[in-house]
Amino acid sequence: MQFTSVPDVAVVLLPILSPISFMLQRPLMRNVWSNKEVIPKLDYPILFVSGLKDEIVPPEQMKTLYSTCRKLPGTKIHTFPHAGHNDVPVVGAFEYYDILSSFLKSLLELEKKAQ
């Protein structure tokens, strides 16, 4: 459910903004939450999770972020074909929690190795 930036999501949700999308940046927008600028700079593993039927944040944006991250050990991507924006834990059920648990355990293992 990661998005590349607020302006990118705004254009998806309100296509009428497409002609003026260049204006949806700083300084006109105070917070653009540009994850596509931040994620490549992170130096720790990231778990990317997305519902492929997400009606708010297109799954392609999450895939874009994954493609730009540093792919440190432990970084993972997982999609849920039948989940939307807010129902991944419900639709994914046990699989979702297994993925989350596995990711958190891998972080603990990486931390132990680093010590």
PDB file of N, CA and C in Angstrom:
ATOM      1  N   MET A   1       0.814  -1.186   0.000  1.00  0.00           N
ATOM      2  CA  MET A   1       0.000   0.000   0.000  1.00  0.00           C
ATOM      3  C   MET A   1       0.860   1.252   0.000  1.00  0.00           C
ATOM      4  N   GLN A   2       2.086   1.102  -0.457  1.00  0.00           N
ATOM      5  CA  GLN A   2       2.957   2.246  -0.539  1.00  0.00           C
ATOM      6  C   GLN A   2       2.660   3.029  -1.807  1.00  0.00           C
ATOM      7  N   PHE A   3       2.704   4.340  -1.704  1.00  0.00           N
ATOM      8  CA  PHE A   3       2.487   5.173  -2.871  1.00  0.00           C
ATOM      9  C   PHE A   3       3.770   5.937  -3.178  1.00  0.00           C
ATOM     10  N   THR A   4       3.934   6.296  -4.449  1.00  0.00           N
ATOM     11  CA  THR A   4       5.156   6.980  -4.845  1.00  0.00           C
ATOM     12  C   THR A   4       5.191   8.419  -4.341  1.00  0.00           C
ATOM     13  N   SER A   5       4.065   9.122  -4.422  1.00  0.00           N
ATOM     14  CA  SER A   5       3.958  10.478  -3.878  1.00  0.00           C
ATOM     15  C   SER A   5       2.493  10.888  -3.868  1.00  0.00           C
ATOM     16  N   VAL A   6       2.169  11.896  -3.092  1.00  0.00           N
ATOM     17  CA  VAL A   6       0.793  12.387  -3.034  1.00  0.00           C
ATOM     18  C   VAL A   6       0.340  12.900  -4.406  1.00  0.00           C
ATOM     19  N   PRO A   7       1.163  13.678  -5.104  1.00  0.00           N
ATOM     20  CA  PRO A   7       0.713  14.118  -6.429  1.00  0.00           C
ATOM     21  C   PRO A   7       0.429  12.950  -7.376  1.00  0.00           C
ATOM     22  N   ASP A   8       1.219  11.887  -7.312  1.00  0.00           N
ATOM     23  CA  ASP A   8       0.974  10.724  -8.174  1.00  0.00           C
ATOM     24  C   ASP A   8      -0.369  10.068  -7.864  1.00  0.00           C
ATOM     25  N   VAL A   9      -0.702   9.982  -6.581  1.00  0.00           N
ATOM     26  CA  VAL A   9      -1.989   9.388  -6.191  1.00  0.00           C
ATOM     27  C   VAL A   9      -3.135  10.337  -6.544  1.00  0.00           C
ATOM     28  N   ALA A  10      -2.918  11.624  -6.378  1.00  0.00           N
ATOM     29  CA  ALA A  10      -3.961  12.606  -6.679  1.00  0.00           C
ATOM     30  C   ALA A  10      -4.411  12.504  -8.136  1.00  0.00           C
ATOM     31  N   VAL A  11      -3.465  12.346  -9.040  1.00  0.00           N
ATOM     32  CA  VAL A  11      -3.792  12.252 -10.461  1.00  0.00           C
ATOM     33  C   VAL A  11      -4.554  10.961 -10.765  1.00  0.00           C
ATOM     34  N   VAL A  12      -4.260   9.892 -10.028  1.00  0.00           N
ATOM     35  CA  VAL A  12      -4.991   8.635 -10.219  1.00  0.00           C
ATOM     36  C   VAL A  12      -6.426   8.782  -9.719  1.00  0.00           C
ATOM     37  N   LEU A  13      -6.580   9.382  -8.542  1.00  0.00           N
ATOM     38  CA  LEU A  13      -7.912   9.518  -7.947  1.00  0.00           C
ATOM     39  C   LEU A  13      -8.757  10.586  -8.640  1.00  0.00           C
ATOM     40  N   LEU A  14      -8.096  11.623  -9.131  1.00  0.00           N
ATOM     41  CA  LEU A  14      -8.793  12.723  -9.809  1.00  0.00           C
ATOM     42  C   LEU A  14      -8.119  12.986 -11.153  1.00  0.00           C
ATOM     43  N   PRO A  15      -8.414  12.175 -12.152  1.00  0.00           N
ATOM     44  CA  PRO A  15      -7.763  12.322 -13.457  1.00  0.00           C
ATOM     45  C   PRO A  15      -7.872  13.722 -14.054  1.00  0.00           C
ATOM     46  N   ILE A  16      -8.875  14.471 -13.633  1.00  0.00           N
ATOM     47  CA  ILE A  16      -9.035  15.833 -14.140  1.00  0.00           C
ATOM     48  C   ILE A  16      -7.820  16.710 -13.802  1.00  0.00           C
ATOM     49  N   LEU A  17      -7.028  16.277 -12.810  1.00  0.00           N
ATOM     50  CA  LEU A  17      -5.837  17.036 -12.416  1.00  0.00           C
ATOM     51  C   LEU A  17      -4.641  16.787 -13.340  1.00  0.00           C
ATOM     52  N   SER A  18      -4.742  15.807 -14.206  1.00  0.00           N
ATOM     53  CA  SER A  18      -3.610  15.457 -15.071  1.00  0.00           C
ATOM     54  C   SER A  18      -3.007  16.647 -15.807  1.00  0.00           C
ATOM     55  N   PRO A  19      -3.811  17.521 -16.417  1.00  0.00           N
ATOM     56  CA  PRO A  19      -3.211  18.641 -17.143  1.00  0.00           C
ATOM     57  C   PRO A  19      -2.412  19.608 -16.263  1.00  0.00           C
ATOM     58  N   ILE A  20      -2.726  19.633 -14.989  1.00  0.00           N
ATOM     59  CA  ILE A  20      -1.996  20.545 -14.096  1.00  0.00           C
ATOM     60  C   ILE A  20      -1.133  19.784 -13.089  1.00  0.00           C
ATOM     61  N   SER A  21      -0.827  18.533 -13.394  1.00  0.00           N
ATOM     62  CA  SER A  21      -0.063  17.711 -12.442  1.00  0.00           C
ATOM     63  C   SER A  21       1.286  18.324 -12.107  1.00  0.00           C
ATOM     64  N   PHE A  22       1.872  19.079 -13.035  1.00  0.00           N
ATOM     65  CA  PHE A  22       3.152  19.737 -12.764  1.00  0.00           C
ATOM     66  C   PHE A  22       3.049  20.745 -11.633  1.00  0.00           C
ATOM     67  N   MET A  23       1.839  21.199 -11.327  1.00  0.00           N
ATOM     68  CA  MET A  23       1.648  22.171 -10.247  1.00  0.00           C
ATOM     69  C   MET A  23       1.496  21.497  -8.884  1.00  0.00           C
ATOM     70  N   LEU A  24       1.318  20.193  -8.892  1.00  0.00           N
ATOM     71  CA  LEU A  24       1.107  19.470  -7.638  1.00  0.00           C
ATOM     72  C   LEU A  24       2.440  19.112  -6.995  1.00  0.00           C
ATOM     73  N   GLN A  25       3.296  20.068  -6.845  1.00  0.00           N
ATOM     74  CA  GLN A  25       4.634  19.896  -6.278  1.00  0.00           C
ATOM     75  C   GLN A  25       4.893  21.022  -5.295  1.00  0.00           C
ATOM     76  N   ARG A  26       6.023  20.945  -4.630  1.00  0.00           N
ATOM     77  CA  ARG A  26       6.441  22.055  -3.790  1.00  0.00           C
ATOM     78  C   ARG A  26       6.732  23.248  -4.695  1.00  0.00           C
ATOM     79  N   PRO A  27       6.526  24.438  -4.363  1.00  0.00           N
ATOM     80  CA  PRO A  27       6.018  24.948  -3.090  1.00  0.00           C
ATOM     81  C   PRO A  27       4.498  25.016  -3.012  1.00  0.00           C
ATOM     82  N   LEU A  28       3.787  24.693  -4.099  1.00  0.00           N
ATOM     83  CA  LEU A  28       2.327  24.789  -4.046  1.00  0.00           C
ATOM     84  C   LEU A  28       1.708  23.764  -3.114  1.00  0.00           C
ATOM     85  N   MET A  29       2.284  22.583  -3.066  1.00  0.00           N
ATOM     86  CA  MET A  29       1.824  21.568  -2.111  1.00  0.00           C
ATOM     87  C   MET A  29       2.834  21.519  -0.982  1.00  0.00           C
ATOM     88  N   ARG A  30       2.365  21.659   0.206  1.00  0.00           N
ATOM     89  CA  ARG A  30       3.263  21.701   1.356  1.00  0.00           C
ATOM     90  C   ARG A  30       3.930  20.355   1.618  1.00  0.00           C
ATOM     91  N   ASN A  31       3.141  19.295   1.604  1.00  0.00           N
ATOM     92  CA  ASN A  31       3.666  17.947   1.846  1.00  0.00           C
ATOM     93  C   ASN A  31       3.329  17.063   0.650  1.00  0.00           C
ATOM     94  N   VAL A  32       4.353  16.628  -0.065  1.00  0.00           N
ATOM     95  CA  VAL A  32       4.101  15.746  -1.203  1.00  0.00           C
ATOM     96  C   VAL A  32       4.419  14.298  -0.855  1.00  0.00           C
ATOM     97  N   TRP A  33       4.997  14.055   0.306  1.00  0.00           N
ATOM     98  CA  TRP A  33       5.345  12.705   0.765  1.00  0.00           C
ATOM     99  C   TRP A  33       5.922  11.886  -0.381  1.00  0.00           C
ATOM    100  N   SER A  34       7.033  12.332  -0.873  1.00  0.00           N
ATOM    101  CA  SER A  34       7.643  11.694  -2.032  1.00  0.00           C
ATOM    102  C   SER A  34       8.444  10.461  -1.617  1.00  0.00           C
ATOM    103  N   ASN A  35       7.743   9.356  -1.474  1.00  0.00           N
ATOM    104  CA  ASN A  35       8.396   8.103  -1.113  1.00  0.00           C
ATOM    105  C   ASN A  35       9.402   7.672  -2.171  1.00  0.00           C
ATOM    106  N   LYS A  36       9.157   8.027  -3.417  1.00  0.00           N
ATOM    107  CA  LYS A  36      10.077   7.643  -4.487  1.00  0.00           C
ATOM    108  C   LYS A  36      11.434   8.341  -4.342  1.00  0.00           C
ATOM    109  N   GLU A  37      11.482   9.430  -3.589  1.00  0.00           N
ATOM    110  CA  GLU A  37      12.758  10.097  -3.309  1.00  0.00           C
ATOM    111  C   GLU A  37      13.417   9.537  -2.058  1.00  0.00           C
ATOM    112  N   VAL A  38      12.613   9.099  -1.107  1.00  0.00           N
ATOM    113  CA  VAL A  38      13.128   8.662   0.187  1.00  0.00           C
ATOM    114  C   VAL A  38      13.565   7.198   0.185  1.00  0.00           C
ATOM    115  N   ILE A  39      12.765   6.330  -0.392  1.00  0.00           N
ATOM    116  CA  ILE A  39      13.014   4.883  -0.305  1.00  0.00           C
ATOM    117  C   ILE A  39      14.397   4.478  -0.811  1.00  0.00           C
ATOM    118  N   PRO A  40      14.888   5.028  -1.921  1.00  0.00           N
ATOM    119  CA  PRO A  40      16.228   4.618  -2.372  1.00  0.00           C
ATOM    120  C   PRO A  40      17.347   4.961  -1.384  1.00  0.00           C
ATOM    121  N   LYS A  41      17.081   5.868  -0.460  1.00  0.00           N
ATOM    122  CA  LYS A  41      18.090   6.297   0.511  1.00  0.00           C
ATOM    123  C   LYS A  41      18.081   5.466   1.794  1.00  0.00           C
ATOM    124  N   LEU A  42      17.051   4.662   1.996  1.00  0.00           N
ATOM    125  CA  LEU A  42      16.940   3.901   3.244  1.00  0.00           C
ATOM    126  C   LEU A  42      17.978   2.788   3.290  1.00  0.00           C
ATOM    127  N   ASP A  43      18.523   2.572   4.469  1.00  0.00           N
ATOM    128  CA  ASP A  43      19.566   1.553   4.602  1.00  0.00           C
ATOM    129  C   ASP A  43      19.136   0.407   5.514  1.00  0.00           C
ATOM    130  N   TYR A  44      17.875   0.027   5.401  1.00  0.00           N
ATOM    131  CA  TYR A  44      17.372  -1.126   6.139  1.00  0.00           C
ATOM    132  C   TYR A  44      16.320  -1.840   5.286  1.00  0.00           C
ATOM    133  N   PRO A  45      16.053  -3.098   5.580  1.00  0.00           N
ATOM    134  CA  PRO A  45      15.088  -3.874   4.790  1.00  0.00           C
ATOM    135  C   PRO A  45      13.678  -3.296   4.874  1.00  0.00           C
ATOM    136  N   ILE A  46      12.940  -3.467   3.800  1.00  0.00           N
ATOM    137  CA  ILE A  46      11.566  -2.965   3.719  1.00  0.00           C
ATOM    138  C   ILE A  46      10.662  -4.114   3.284  1.00  0.00           C
ATOM    139  N   LEU A  47       9.488  -4.183   3.890  1.00  0.00           N
ATOM    140  CA  LEU A  47       8.470  -5.130   3.464  1.00  0.00           C
ATOM    141  C   LEU A  47       7.428  -4.358   2.661  1.00  0.00           C
ATOM    142  N   PHE A  48       7.295  -4.692   1.386  1.00  0.00           N
ATOM    143  CA  PHE A  48       6.304  -4.074   0.514  1.00  0.00           C
ATOM    144  C   PHE A  48       5.121  -5.027   0.396  1.00  0.00           C
ATOM    145  N   VAL A  49       3.927  -4.555   0.753  1.00  0.00           N
ATOM    146  CA  VAL A  49       2.716  -5.371   0.701  1.00  0.00           C
ATOM    147  C   VAL A  49       1.645  -4.580  -0.043  1.00  0.00           C
ATOM    148  N   SER A  50       0.970  -5.238  -0.974  1.00  0.00           N
ATOM    149  CA  SER A  50      -0.036  -4.531  -1.752  1.00  0.00           C
ATOM    150  C   SER A  50      -1.175  -5.458  -2.137  1.00  0.00           C
ATOM    151  N   GLY A  51      -2.388  -4.908  -2.119  1.00  0.00           N
ATOM    152  CA  GLY A  51      -3.534  -5.595  -2.681  1.00  0.00           C
ATOM    153  C   GLY A  51      -3.625  -5.222  -4.151  1.00  0.00           C
ATOM    154  N   LEU A  52      -3.693  -6.204  -5.026  1.00  0.00           N
ATOM    155  CA  LEU A  52      -3.705  -5.913  -6.463  1.00  0.00           C
ATOM    156  C   LEU A  52      -5.022  -5.300  -6.939  1.00  0.00           C
ATOM    157  N   LYS A  53      -6.028  -5.289  -6.065  1.00  0.00           N
ATOM    158  CA  LYS A  53      -7.291  -4.627  -6.397  1.00  0.00           C
ATOM    159  C   LYS A  53      -7.432  -3.312  -5.626  1.00  0.00           C
ATOM    160  N   ASP A  54      -6.308  -2.737  -5.253  1.00  0.00           N
ATOM    161  CA  ASP A  54      -6.304  -1.468  -4.516  1.00  0.00           C
ATOM    162  C   ASP A  54      -6.948  -0.391  -5.374  1.00  0.00           C
ATOM    163  N   GLU A  55      -7.992   0.204  -4.850  1.00  0.00           N
ATOM    164  CA  GLU A  55      -8.741   1.220  -5.580  1.00  0.00           C
ATOM    165  C   GLU A  55      -8.252   2.643  -5.290  1.00  0.00           C
ATOM    166  N   ILE A  56      -7.291   2.784  -4.388  1.00  0.00           N
ATOM    167  CA  ILE A  56      -6.772   4.109  -4.028  1.00  0.00           C
ATOM    168  C   ILE A  56      -5.344   4.285  -4.527  1.00  0.00           C
ATOM    169  N   VAL A  57      -4.469   3.375  -4.177  1.00  0.00           N
ATOM    170  CA  VAL A  57      -3.069   3.443  -4.601  1.00  0.00           C
ATOM    171  C   VAL A  57      -2.819   2.328  -5.613  1.00  0.00           C
ATOM    172  N   PRO A  58      -2.550   2.685  -6.857  1.00  0.00           N
ATOM    173  CA  PRO A  58      -2.308   1.641  -7.858  1.00  0.00           C
ATOM    174  C   PRO A  58      -1.127   0.750  -7.461  1.00  0.00           C
ATOM    175  N   PRO A  59      -1.281  -0.565  -7.560  1.00  0.00           N
ATOM    176  CA  PRO A  59      -0.190  -1.479  -7.204  1.00  0.00           C
ATOM    177  C   PRO A  59       1.108  -1.186  -7.968  1.00  0.00           C
ATOM    178  N   GLU A  60       1.000  -0.583  -9.139  1.00  0.00           N
ATOM    179  CA  GLU A  60       2.195  -0.245  -9.906  1.00  0.00           C
ATOM    180  C   GLU A  60       3.097   0.718  -9.138  1.00  0.00           C
ATOM    181  N   GLN A  61       2.492   1.582  -8.302  1.00  0.00           N
ATOM    182  CA  GLN A  61       3.304   2.520  -7.531  1.00  0.00           C
ATOM    183  C   GLN A  61       4.149   1.782  -6.499  1.00  0.00           C
ATOM    184  N   MET A  62       3.576   0.754  -5.883  1.00  0.00           N
ATOM    185  CA  MET A  62       4.350  -0.034  -4.927  1.00  0.00           C
ATOM    186  C   MET A  62       5.471  -0.770  -5.641  1.00  0.00           C
ATOM    187  N   LYS A  63       5.185  -1.302  -6.823  1.00  0.00           N
ATOM    188  CA  LYS A  63       6.216  -1.993  -7.597  1.00  0.00           C
ATOM    189  C   LYS A  63       7.320  -1.031  -8.017  1.00  0.00           C
ATOM    190  N   THR A  64       6.960   0.200  -8.326  1.00  0.00           N
ATOM    191  CA  THR A  64       7.955   1.216  -8.654  1.00  0.00           C
ATOM    192  C   THR A  64       8.865   1.471  -7.463  1.00  0.00           C
ATOM    193  N   LEU A  65       8.280   1.593  -6.288  1.00  0.00           N
ATOM    194  CA  LEU A  65       9.088   1.824  -5.083  1.00  0.00           C
ATOM    195  C   LEU A  65      10.007   0.644  -4.814  1.00  0.00           C
ATOM    196  N   TYR A  66       9.497  -0.565  -4.982  1.00  0.00           N
ATOM    197  CA  TYR A  66      10.327  -1.746  -4.780  1.00  0.00           C
ATOM    198  C   TYR A  66      11.497  -1.742  -5.758  1.00  0.00           C
ATOM    199  N   SER A  67      11.237  -1.356  -6.989  1.00  0.00           N
ATOM    200  CA  SER A  67      12.311  -1.354  -7.992  1.00  0.00           C
ATOM    201  C   SER A  67      13.379  -0.311  -7.680  1.00  0.00           C
ATOM    202  N   THR A  68      13.030   0.724  -6.897  1.00  0.00           N
ATOM    203  CA  THR A  68      14.012   1.765  -6.584  1.00  0.00           C
ATOM    204  C   THR A  68      14.720   1.549  -5.249  1.00  0.00           C
ATOM    205  N   CYS A  69      14.232   0.618  -4.430  1.00  0.00           N
ATOM    206  CA  CYS A  69      14.867   0.430  -3.123  1.00  0.00           C
ATOM    207  C   CYS A  69      16.192  -0.312  -3.281  1.00  0.00           C
ATOM    208  N   ARG A  70      16.951  -0.358  -2.222  1.00  0.00           N
ATOM    209  CA  ARG A  70      18.310  -0.896  -2.269  1.00  0.00           C
ATOM    210  C   ARG A  70      18.386  -2.416  -2.188  1.00  0.00           C
ATOM    211  N   LYS A  71      17.289  -3.107  -2.016  1.00  0.00           N
ATOM    212  CA  LYS A  71      17.235  -4.577  -1.969  1.00  0.00           C
ATOM    213  C   LYS A  71      18.216  -5.155  -0.948  1.00  0.00           C
ATOM    214  N   LEU A  72      18.237  -4.549   0.212  1.00  0.00           N
ATOM    215  CA  LEU A  72      19.078  -5.062   1.285  1.00  0.00           C
ATOM    216  C   LEU A  72      18.560  -6.433   1.705  1.00  0.00           C
ATOM    217  N   PRO A  73      19.424  -7.267   2.305  1.00  0.00           N
ATOM    218  CA  PRO A  73      18.944  -8.573   2.781  1.00  0.00           C
ATOM    219  C   PRO A  73      17.707  -8.395   3.671  1.00  0.00           C
ATOM    220  N   GLY A  74      16.696  -9.178   3.407  1.00  0.00           N
ATOM    221  CA  GLY A  74      15.455  -9.086   4.171  1.00  0.00           C
ATOM    222  C   GLY A  74      14.365  -8.300   3.465  1.00  0.00           C
ATOM    223  N   THR A  75      14.719  -7.486   2.468  1.00  0.00           N
ATOM    224  CA  THR A  75      13.707  -6.721   1.728  1.00  0.00           C
ATOM    225  C   THR A  75      12.854  -7.691   0.916  1.00  0.00           C
ATOM    226  N   LYS A  76      11.539  -7.510   1.014  1.00  0.00           N
ATOM    227  CA  LYS A  76      10.622  -8.425   0.332  1.00  0.00           C
ATOM    228  C   LYS A  76       9.443  -7.657  -0.258  1.00  0.00           C
ATOM    229  N   ILE A  77       8.846  -8.261  -1.253  1.00  0.00           N
ATOM    230  CA  ILE A  77       7.617  -7.719  -1.845  1.00  0.00           C
ATOM    231  C   ILE A  77       6.595  -8.852  -1.885  1.00  0.00           C
ATOM    232  N   HIS A  78       5.354  -8.523  -1.542  1.00  0.00           N
ATOM    233  CA  HIS A  78       4.297  -9.526  -1.599  1.00  0.00           C
ATOM    234  C   HIS A  78       2.996  -8.847  -2.017  1.00  0.00           C
ATOM    235  N   THR A  79       2.320  -9.463  -2.957  1.00  0.00           N
ATOM    236  CA  THR A  79       1.035  -8.932  -3.404  1.00  0.00           C
ATOM    237  C   THR A  79      -0.077  -9.931  -3.102  1.00  0.00           C
ATOM    238  N   PHE A  80      -1.250  -9.381  -2.888  1.00  0.00           N
ATOM    239  CA  PHE A  80      -2.445 -10.179  -2.631  1.00  0.00           C
ATOM    240  C   PHE A  80      -3.428  -9.905  -3.757  1.00  0.00           C
ATOM    241  N   PRO A  81      -3.615 -10.879  -4.653  1.00  0.00           N
ATOM    242  CA  PRO A  81      -4.422 -10.672  -5.858  1.00  0.00           C
ATOM    243  C   PRO A  81      -5.867 -10.230  -5.613  1.00  0.00           C
ATOM    244  N   HIS A  82      -6.471 -10.644  -4.501  1.00  0.00           N
ATOM    245  CA  HIS A  82      -7.890 -10.353  -4.281  1.00  0.00           C
ATOM    246  C   HIS A  82      -8.129  -9.273  -3.233  1.00  0.00           C
ATOM    247  N   ALA A  83      -7.070  -8.597  -2.792  1.00  0.00           N
ATOM    248  CA  ALA A  83      -7.206  -7.579  -1.746  1.00  0.00           C
ATOM    249  C   ALA A  83      -7.223  -6.181  -2.346  1.00  0.00           C
ATOM    250  N   GLY A  84      -7.919  -5.287  -1.643  1.00  0.00           N
ATOM    251  CA  GLY A  84      -7.977  -3.883  -2.034  1.00  0.00           C
ATOM    252  C   GLY A  84      -7.019  -3.060  -1.182  1.00  0.00           C
ATOM    253  N   HIS A  85      -7.398  -1.827  -0.899  1.00  0.00           N
ATOM    254  CA  HIS A  85      -6.523  -0.918  -0.162  1.00  0.00           C
ATOM    255  C   HIS A  85      -6.512  -1.189   1.348  1.00  0.00           C
ATOM    256  N   ASN A  86      -7.676  -1.395   1.904  1.00  0.00           N
ATOM    257  CA  ASN A  86      -7.773  -1.517   3.364  1.00  0.00           C
ATOM    258  C   ASN A  86      -8.056  -2.921   3.875  1.00  0.00           C
ATOM    259  N   ASP A  87      -8.100  -3.895   2.998  1.00  0.00           N
ATOM    260  CA  ASP A  87      -8.508  -5.215   3.470  1.00  0.00           C
ATOM    261  C   ASP A  87      -7.441  -6.301   3.310  1.00  0.00           C
ATOM    262  N   VAL A  88      -6.199  -5.921   3.104  1.00  0.00           N
ATOM    263  CA  VAL A  88      -5.141  -6.924   2.945  1.00  0.00           C
ATOM    264  C   VAL A  88      -5.073  -7.865   4.148  1.00  0.00           C
ATOM    265  N   PRO A  89      -5.081  -7.363   5.386  1.00  0.00           N
ATOM    266  CA  PRO A  89      -5.018  -8.294   6.517  1.00  0.00           C
ATOM    267  C   PRO A  89      -6.217  -9.246   6.597  1.00  0.00           C
ATOM    268  N   VAL A  90      -7.369  -8.785   6.137  1.00  0.00           N
ATOM    269  CA  VAL A  90      -8.565  -9.631   6.185  1.00  0.00           C
ATOM    270  C   VAL A  90      -8.551 -10.635   5.033  1.00  0.00           C
ATOM    271  N   VAL A  91      -8.317 -10.145   3.830  1.00  0.00           N
ATOM    272  CA  VAL A  91      -8.312 -11.027   2.654  1.00  0.00           C
ATOM    273  C   VAL A  91      -7.120 -11.976   2.701  1.00  0.00           C
ATOM    274  N   GLY A  92      -5.967 -11.446   3.103  1.00  0.00           N
ATOM    275  CA  GLY A  92      -4.765 -12.277   3.181  1.00  0.00           C
ATOM    276  C   GLY A  92      -4.757 -13.216   4.356  1.00  0.00           C
ATOM    277  N   ALA A  93      -5.540 -12.869   5.370  1.00  0.00           N
ATOM    278  CA  ALA A  93      -5.694 -13.681   6.580  1.00  0.00           C
ATOM    279  C   ALA A  93      -4.361 -14.232   7.092  1.00  0.00           C
ATOM    280  N   PHE A  94      -4.285 -15.536   7.261  1.00  0.00           N
ATOM    281  CA  PHE A  94      -3.105 -16.146   7.866  1.00  0.00           C
ATOM    282  C   PHE A  94      -1.846 -15.900   7.041  1.00  0.00           C
ATOM    283  N   GLU A  95      -1.981 -15.871   5.725  1.00  0.00           N
ATOM    284  CA  GLU A  95      -0.815 -15.636   4.864  1.00  0.00           C
ATOM    285  C   GLU A  95      -0.204 -14.267   5.155  1.00  0.00           C
ATOM    286  N   TYR A  96      -1.045 -13.249   5.309  1.00  0.00           N
ATOM    287  CA  TYR A  96      -0.569 -11.904   5.610  1.00  0.00           C
ATOM    288  C   TYR A  96       0.221 -11.893   6.919  1.00  0.00           C
ATOM    289  N   TYR A  97      -0.341 -12.491   7.949  1.00  0.00           N
ATOM    290  CA  TYR A  97       0.320 -12.483   9.250  1.00  0.00           C
ATOM    291  C   TYR A  97       1.571 -13.355   9.251  1.00  0.00           C
ATOM    292  N   ASP A  98       1.580 -14.419   8.470  1.00  0.00           N
ATOM    293  CA  ASP A  98       2.793 -15.233   8.331  1.00  0.00           C
ATOM    294  C   ASP A  98       3.911 -14.428   7.663  1.00  0.00           C
ATOM    295  N   ILE A  99       3.565 -13.673   6.632  1.00  0.00           N
ATOM    296  CA  ILE A  99       4.551 -12.841   5.935  1.00  0.00           C
ATOM    297  C   ILE A  99       5.096 -11.775   6.869  1.00  0.00           C
ATOM    298  N   LEU A 100       4.204 -11.119   7.590  1.00  0.00           N
ATOM    299  CA  LEU A 100       4.620 -10.077   8.536  1.00  0.00           C
ATOM    300  C   LEU A 100       5.508 -10.659   9.628  1.00  0.00           C
ATOM    301  N   SER A 101       5.104 -11.787  10.184  1.00  0.00           N
ATOM    302  CA  SER A 101       5.885 -12.441  11.237  1.00  0.00           C
ATOM    303  C   SER A 101       7.257 -12.864  10.723  1.00  0.00           C
ATOM    304  N   SER A 102       7.288 -13.432   9.537  1.00  0.00           N
ATOM    305  CA  SER A 102       8.553 -13.865   8.940  1.00  0.00           C
ATOM    306  C   SER A 102       9.482 -12.682   8.700  1.00  0.00           C
ATOM    307  N   PHE A 103       8.922 -11.583   8.228  1.00  0.00           N
ATOM    308  CA  PHE A 103       9.726 -10.382   7.991  1.00  0.00           C
ATOM    309  C   PHE A 103      10.311  -9.855   9.301  1.00  0.00           C
ATOM    310  N   LEU A 104       9.485  -9.774  10.331  1.00  0.00           N
ATOM    311  CA  LEU A 104       9.964  -9.276  11.625  1.00  0.00           C
ATOM    312  C   LEU A 104      11.034 -10.199  12.213  1.00  0.00           C
ATOM    313  N   LYS A 105      10.852 -11.503  12.080  1.00  0.00           N
ATOM    314  CA  LYS A 105      11.865 -12.455  12.554  1.00  0.00           C
ATOM    315  C   LYS A 105      13.170 -12.272  11.791  1.00  0.00           C
ATOM    316  N   SER A 106      13.075 -12.034  10.482  1.00  0.00           N
ATOM    317  CA  SER A 106      14.297 -11.839   9.692  1.00  0.00           C
ATOM    318  C   SER A 106      15.034 -10.581  10.138  1.00  0.00           C
ATOM    319  N   LEU A 107      14.295  -9.556  10.553  1.00  0.00           N
ATOM    320  CA  LEU A 107      14.944  -8.343  11.065  1.00  0.00           C
ATOM    321  C   LEU A 107      15.691  -8.629  12.365  1.00  0.00           C
ATOM    322  N   LEU A 108      15.072  -9.427  13.222  1.00  0.00           N
ATOM    323  CA  LEU A 108      15.731  -9.793  14.478  1.00  0.00           C
ATOM    324  C   LEU A 108      16.998 -10.598  14.205  1.00  0.00           C
ATOM    325  N   GLU A 109      16.942 -11.513  13.252  1.00  0.00           N
ATOM    326  CA  GLU A 109      18.116 -12.306  12.897  1.00  0.00           C
ATOM    327  C   GLU A 109      19.221 -11.429  12.323  1.00  0.00           C
ATOM    328  N   LEU A 110      18.856 -10.493  11.490  1.00  0.00           N
ATOM    329  CA  LEU A 110      19.858  -9.559  10.924  1.00  0.00           C
ATOM    330  C   LEU A 110      20.496  -8.731  12.036  1.00  0.00           C
ATOM    331  N   GLU A 111      19.688  -8.324  12.994  1.00  0.00           N
ATOM    332  CA  GLU A 111      20.210  -7.539  14.120  1.00  0.00           C
ATOM    333  C   GLU A 111      21.179  -8.362  14.955  1.00  0.00           C
ATOM    334  N   LYS A 112      20.852  -9.619  15.196  1.00  0.00           N
ATOM    335  CA  LYS A 112      21.745 -10.494  15.973  1.00  0.00           C
ATOM    336  C   LYS A 112      23.067 -10.694  15.245  1.00  0.00           C
ATOM    337  N   LYS A 113      23.027 -10.870  13.920  1.00  0.00           N
ATOM    338  CA  LYS A 113      24.250 -11.046  13.152  1.00  0.00           C
ATOM    339  C   LYS A 113      25.110  -9.791  13.169  1.00  0.00           C
ATOM    340  N   ALA A 114      24.473  -8.646  13.258  1.00  0.00           N
ATOM    341  CA  ALA A 114      25.208  -7.379  13.239  1.00  0.00           C
ATOM    342  C   ALA A 114      25.928  -7.097  14.554  1.00  0.00           C
ATOM    343  N   GLN A 115      25.500  -7.769  15.610  1.00  0.00           N
ATOM    344  CA  GLN A 115      26.097  -7.498  16.931  1.00  0.00           C
ATOM    345  C   GLN A 115      27.377  -8.223  17.143  1.00  0.00           C
TER     346      GLN A 115
END
